[in-house]
Amino acid sequence: MKKKSKFLTFLLSFIPGLGHMYLGLMQRGLVFFLATGFVFLAGMFFSMMGIFYDPIPFVALPFIWLAAVVDSLIFAGRINRSISESEATGISLSDTWKNLENELKNQNHKILALTFSMVPGAGHMYLGQMEKGIQLMVALFLTLYLSDFLHISLLLMFAPILWFYSIFDIFHRISNPNENQGEAIFGEFFKKNQLSGKVGKILGVGLIVVGFIMIFDKIVMPQIAIMLGDQIREYLRTGILALLFIGGGVKLMIGSKEKTVVSQITPTESSSTAESNRE
């Protein structure tokens, strides 16, 4: 087996994966090639749908390219050293090559999982956690759909939260594969029927509010625009949404004050009860 040129490896690595294929690491090369293709497809999908920030997936391309270049140069050095050692000692390269392939299998699995996690839910599906993957993907696309349908850009703040959660959760899972990963995000609510409690009430109120906003935005507002004009329509939309947020904030403040009062009264009541019992 001939030694590999690091310069040629560097040149070929400008297309992620080709440098590894030149070194004979076909699976590793395909991993980087697929990762690049997946990022391109995700970027094209976001651009065609016109949702979120169009170029956001392409941010990963420089990191994939740099990782491919550095990784291919490191393996070129390792392969050349192995060839030199085998020529000096007369030992066959087959055992060394098998060990290298076994080492790369686990690493390729991690790289693919992290690449798929660029779309929330896809990485979890790749790892076999279908329920959690579907929940994350539905949450992402529902957020994007509602923000576009209702014209509420505030909902888009949940998209990067889901994105970062997906990436770091996948990273944690592949770093600690033997650790208990727990249940899916909403699994406990459905299995233990917790939706009938406080969480269910909050979810119900949220669905009712979203329903009213949809009726108001798609049915009432066009009629108001016809009768009063577009400017009044925008004023009403902004004012009603602002009132909803103010009402929610006031409700939260009242609830927190009531809890503080109850927590202050409870110790005094318990102490008076204890004194009466002593008497």
Protein backbone atom coordinates (compact mmCIF):
# COMPACT_ATOMS: atom_id res chain seq x y z
CA MET A 1 0.00 0.00 0.00
CA LYS A 2 1.44 3.38 -1.06
CA LYS A 3 1.68 6.42 1.18
CA LYS A 4 -1.00 9.07 0.74
CA SER A 5 -0.26 12.65 -0.27
CA LYS A 6 -1.41 15.14 2.37
CA PHE A 7 -1.48 17.93 -0.21
CA LEU A 8 -3.81 15.98 -2.51
CA THR A 9 -5.92 15.01 0.51
CA PHE A 10 -6.22 18.70 1.43
CA LEU A 11 -7.26 19.69 -2.11
CA LEU A 12 -9.86 16.94 -2.39
CA SER A 13 -11.29 17.82 1.05
CA PHE A 14 -12.64 21.10 -0.34
CA ILE A 15 -15.60 18.88 -1.24
CA PRO A 16 -16.26 17.24 2.16
CA GLY A 17 -15.79 13.48 1.93
CA LEU A 18 -13.60 13.25 -1.19
CA GLY A 19 -10.38 13.42 0.84
CA HIS A 20 -11.50 10.46 2.95
CA MET A 21 -12.45 8.49 -0.17
CA TYR A 22 -8.96 9.11 -1.56
CA LEU A 23 -7.54 7.66 1.68
CA GLY A 24 -9.70 4.56 1.27
CA LEU A 25 -12.10 5.50 4.09
CA MET A 26 -15.24 5.17 2.00
CA GLN A 27 -17.77 5.09 4.87
CA ARG A 28 -16.21 8.12 6.55
CA GLY A 29 -16.24 10.00 3.24
CA LEU A 30 -19.89 9.14 2.65
CA VAL A 31 -20.77 10.42 6.13
CA PHE A 32 -19.29 13.88 5.41
CA PHE A 33 -20.76 13.86 1.90
CA LEU A 34 -24.24 13.01 3.22
CA ALA A 35 -23.92 15.61 5.99
CA THR A 36 -23.16 18.32 3.41
CA GLY A 37 -26.03 17.19 1.18
CA PHE A 38 -28.44 17.12 4.13
CA VAL A 39 -27.53 20.70 5.10
CA PHE A 40 -28.03 21.85 1.49
CA LEU A 41 -31.44 20.17 1.31
CA ALA A 42 -32.48 21.69 4.66
CA GLY A 43 -31.41 25.15 3.45
CA MET A 44 -33.34 24.75 0.19
CA PHE A 45 -36.41 23.57 2.10
CA PHE A 46 -36.34 26.62 4.40
CA SER A 47 -35.86 28.92 1.39
CA MET A 48 -38.75 27.39 -0.58
CA MET A 49 -41.09 27.48 2.42
CA GLY A 50 -40.08 31.07 3.24
CA ILE A 51 -40.04 30.34 6.96
CA PHE A 52 -37.68 31.42 9.70
CA TYR A 53 -34.32 32.74 8.43
CA ASP A 54 -33.61 31.21 5.00
CA PRO A 55 -29.81 30.77 5.27
CA ILE A 56 -29.78 29.41 8.85
CA PRO A 57 -28.93 25.76 7.92
CA PHE A 58 -26.01 26.90 5.75
CA VAL A 59 -24.27 28.17 8.90
CA ALA A 60 -23.22 24.55 9.51
CA LEU A 61 -21.37 24.24 6.17
CA PRO A 62 -18.08 25.94 7.21
CA PHE A 63 -17.92 23.73 10.32
CA ILE A 64 -18.52 20.56 8.27
CA TRP A 65 -15.88 21.64 5.73
CA LEU A 66 -13.31 22.44 8.44
CA ALA A 67 -14.02 19.17 10.25
CA ALA A 68 -13.64 17.22 6.98
CA VAL A 69 -10.30 18.89 6.13
CA VAL A 70 -8.77 18.44 9.60
CA ASP A 71 -10.11 14.90 9.96
CA SER A 72 -8.79 13.78 6.56
CA LEU A 73 -5.32 15.25 7.24
CA ILE A 74 -5.17 13.51 10.64
CA PHE A 75 -6.07 10.16 9.09
CA ALA A 76 -3.60 10.71 6.24
CA GLY A 77 -0.86 11.08 8.86
CA ARG A 78 -2.03 7.98 10.73
CA ILE A 79 -2.18 5.86 7.58
CA ASN A 80 1.29 6.99 6.46
CA ARG A 81 2.75 6.20 9.90
CA SER A 82 1.12 2.75 9.84
CA ILE A 83 2.61 2.08 6.38
CA SER A 84 6.08 3.16 7.56
CA GLU A 85 5.84 0.93 10.67
CA SER A 86 4.66 -2.07 8.63
CA GLU A 87 7.53 -1.61 6.15
CA ALA A 88 10.04 -1.38 8.99
CA THR A 89 8.72 -4.34 11.00
CA GLY A 90 7.28 -6.44 8.17
CA ILE A 91 3.87 -6.70 9.92
CA SER A 92 0.76 -6.83 7.73
CA LEU A 93 -1.47 -3.76 7.59
CA SER A 94 -4.70 -5.78 7.68
CA ASP A 95 -5.00 -5.84 11.50
CA THR A 96 -4.28 -2.12 11.81
CA TRP A 97 -6.81 -1.37 9.06
CA LYS A 98 -9.50 -3.48 10.76
CA ASN A 99 -8.96 -1.67 14.08
CA LEU A 100 -9.22 1.67 12.29
CA GLU A 101 -12.49 0.65 10.60
CA ASN A 102 -14.00 -0.49 13.92
CA GLU A 103 -13.00 2.81 15.54
CA LEU A 104 -14.57 4.79 12.71
CA LYS A 105 -17.90 2.95 12.82
CA ASN A 106 -18.81 4.42 16.22
CA GLN A 107 -17.58 7.89 15.22
CA ASN A 108 -19.55 7.83 11.96
CA HIS A 109 -22.69 6.96 13.94
CA LYS A 110 -22.18 10.03 16.16
CA ILE A 111 -21.49 12.37 13.24
CA LEU A 112 -24.64 11.27 11.40
CA ALA A 113 -26.77 11.65 14.54
CA LEU A 114 -25.50 15.21 15.11
CA THR A 115 -26.02 16.08 11.44
CA PHE A 116 -29.61 14.83 11.41
CA SER A 117 -30.29 16.80 14.62
CA MET A 118 -29.97 20.00 12.54
CA VAL A 119 -33.67 19.36 11.90
CA PRO A 120 -35.24 18.88 15.36
CA GLY A 121 -36.49 15.33 15.71
CA ALA A 122 -34.57 13.77 12.79
CA GLY A 123 -31.56 12.92 14.99
CA HIS A 124 -33.77 11.20 17.57
CA MET A 125 -35.46 9.19 14.80
CA TYR A 126 -32.02 8.11 13.55
CA LEU A 127 -31.19 6.87 17.07
CA GLY A 128 -34.46 4.91 17.17
CA GLN A 129 -36.38 7.25 19.51
CA MET A 130 -39.29 7.67 17.12
CA GLU A 131 -41.82 9.06 19.63
CA LYS A 132 -39.58 11.89 20.83
CA GLY A 133 -38.41 12.61 17.29
CA ILE A 134 -41.97 12.94 16.00
CA GLN A 135 -42.91 15.21 18.91
CA LEU A 136 -39.96 17.55 18.30
CA MET A 137 -40.61 17.68 14.55
CA VAL A 138 -44.34 18.35 15.02
CA ALA A 139 -43.55 21.08 17.59
CA LEU A 140 -41.13 22.77 15.17
CA PHE A 141 -43.38 22.74 12.11
CA LEU A 142 -46.47 23.65 14.14
CA THR A 143 -44.60 26.67 15.52
CA LEU A 144 -43.52 27.73 12.03
CA TYR A 145 -47.01 27.18 10.60
CA LEU A 146 -48.81 29.10 13.35
CA SER A 147 -46.36 32.00 13.20
CA ASP A 148 -46.91 32.27 9.45
CA PHE A 149 -50.68 31.67 9.55
CA LEU A 150 -51.38 34.00 12.49
CA HIS A 151 -48.68 36.55 11.57
CA ILE A 152 -47.26 36.38 15.11
CA SER A 153 -43.47 36.52 14.78
CA LEU A 154 -43.15 36.08 18.56
CA LEU A 155 -43.88 32.36 18.12
CA LEU A 156 -40.63 32.03 16.14
CA MET A 157 -38.64 32.35 19.36
CA PHE A 158 -39.56 28.72 20.11
CA ALA A 159 -37.90 27.49 16.89
CA PRO A 160 -34.26 28.14 17.98
CA ILE A 161 -35.08 26.74 21.44
CA LEU A 162 -36.24 23.48 19.84
CA TRP A 163 -33.21 23.50 17.53
CA PHE A 164 -30.65 23.89 20.34
CA TYR A 165 -32.51 21.38 22.52
CA SER A 166 -32.42 18.82 19.72
CA ILE A 167 -28.67 19.25 19.09
CA PHE A 168 -27.57 19.19 22.75
CA ASP A 169 -29.92 16.34 23.65
CA ILE A 170 -28.48 14.23 20.81
CA PHE A 171 -24.94 15.16 21.87
CA HIS A 172 -25.72 14.08 25.45
CA ARG A 173 -27.26 10.79 24.29
CA ILE A 174 -24.35 9.77 22.06
CA SER A 175 -21.83 10.80 24.74
CA ASN A 176 -23.61 8.71 27.42
CA PRO A 177 -25.26 5.83 25.53
CA ASN A 178 -25.64 3.65 28.64
CA GLU A 179 -27.40 6.32 30.70
CA ASN A 180 -31.16 6.09 31.18
CA GLN A 181 -32.58 8.54 28.64
CA GLY A 182 -36.04 8.91 30.17
CA GLU A 183 -39.36 9.17 28.40
CA ALA A 184 -40.51 11.32 25.52
CA ILE A 185 -41.33 14.97 26.12
CA PHE A 186 -45.10 14.57 26.36
CA GLY A 187 -45.13 10.84 27.10
CA GLU A 188 -45.77 11.15 30.84
CA PHE A 189 -48.74 13.50 30.34
CA PHE A 190 -50.56 11.04 28.08
CA LYS A 191 -49.59 7.85 29.93
CA LYS A 192 -50.51 9.13 33.40
CA ASN A 193 -53.53 11.16 32.20
CA GLN A 194 -52.11 14.38 33.63
CA LEU A 195 -53.83 16.50 30.97
CA SER A 196 -56.94 16.62 33.17
CA GLY A 197 -55.06 18.62 35.82
CA LYS A 198 -53.44 22.05 35.79
CA VAL A 199 -51.40 21.33 32.67
CA GLY A 200 -54.55 20.32 30.82
CA LYS A 201 -56.29 23.56 31.80
CA ILE A 202 -53.35 25.66 30.59
CA LEU A 203 -53.24 23.73 27.32
CA GLY A 204 -57.01 24.12 26.91
CA VAL A 205 -56.86 27.88 27.49
CA GLY A 206 -53.99 28.11 25.01
CA LEU A 207 -55.95 26.24 22.33
CA ILE A 208 -59.03 28.43 22.92
CA VAL A 209 -56.92 31.60 22.61
CA VAL A 210 -55.29 30.36 19.40
CA GLY A 211 -58.74 29.48 18.00
CA PHE A 212 -60.10 32.95 18.78
CA ILE A 213 -57.02 34.58 17.22
CA MET A 214 -57.48 32.51 14.05
CA ILE A 215 -61.18 33.47 13.77
CA PHE A 216 -60.39 37.11 14.50
CA ASP A 217 -57.47 37.31 12.07
CA LYS A 218 -58.95 35.40 9.14
CA ILE A 219 -62.68 36.25 9.39
CA VAL A 220 -63.27 39.39 11.48
CA MET A 221 -60.22 41.45 10.46
CA PRO A 222 -60.81 41.27 6.68
CA GLN A 223 -64.35 42.62 7.21
CA ILE A 224 -63.02 45.42 9.43
CA ALA A 225 -60.42 46.25 6.76
CA ILE A 226 -63.17 46.54 4.13
CA MET A 227 -65.30 48.83 6.33
CA LEU A 228 -62.67 50.91 8.18
CA GLY A 229 -59.42 50.50 6.25
CA ASP A 230 -56.11 48.65 6.67
CA GLN A 231 -54.65 51.08 9.21
CA ILE A 232 -57.48 50.53 11.71
CA ARG A 233 -57.12 46.79 11.11
CA GLU A 234 -53.45 46.85 12.13
CA TYR A 235 -54.22 48.98 15.20
CA LEU A 236 -56.91 46.52 16.32
CA ARG A 237 -54.72 43.46 15.75
CA THR A 238 -51.82 44.94 17.74
CA GLY A 239 -54.12 46.22 20.49
CA ILE A 240 -55.95 42.92 20.99
CA LEU A 241 -52.73 40.88 21.08
CA ALA A 242 -51.23 43.36 23.53
CA LEU A 243 -54.32 43.09 25.77
CA LEU A 244 -54.05 39.29 25.73
CA PHE A 245 -50.44 39.46 26.89
CA ILE A 246 -51.26 42.09 29.54
CA GLY A 247 -54.18 39.97 30.80
CA GLY A 248 -51.95 36.89 31.01
CA GLY A 249 -49.30 38.85 32.90
CA VAL A 250 -51.85 40.26 35.38
CA LYS A 251 -53.26 36.77 35.95
CA LEU A 252 -49.78 35.40 36.69
CA MET A 253 -49.04 38.29 39.09
CA ILE A 254 -52.32 37.77 40.98
CA GLY A 255 -51.69 34.04 41.22
CA SER A 256 -48.15 34.54 42.57
CA LYS A 257 -49.39 37.06 45.19
CA GLU A 258 -52.08 34.65 46.41
CA LYS A 259 -49.47 31.89 46.79
CA THR A 260 -47.22 34.20 48.84
CA VAL A 261 -50.08 35.17 51.14
CA VAL A 262 -51.04 31.51 51.67
CA SER A 263 -47.43 30.55 52.42
CA GLN A 264 -47.18 33.38 54.99
CA ILE A 265 -50.47 32.45 56.71
CA THR A 266 -49.83 28.70 56.91
CA PRO A 267 -46.88 28.79 59.41
CA THR A 268 -48.80 31.10 61.79
CA GLU A 269 -51.85 28.85 61.68
CA SER A 270 -49.76 25.75 62.35
CA SER A 271 -48.01 27.40 65.33
CA SER A 272 -51.35 28.52 66.85
CA THR A 273 -52.73 24.99 66.40
CA ALA A 274 -49.68 23.53 68.14
CA GLU A 275 -50.07 25.95 71.09
CA SER A 276 -53.77 25.09 71.49
CA ASN A 277 -52.93 21.38 71.49
CA ARG A 278 -50.37 21.93 74.27
CA GLU A 279 -52.95 23.76 76.40
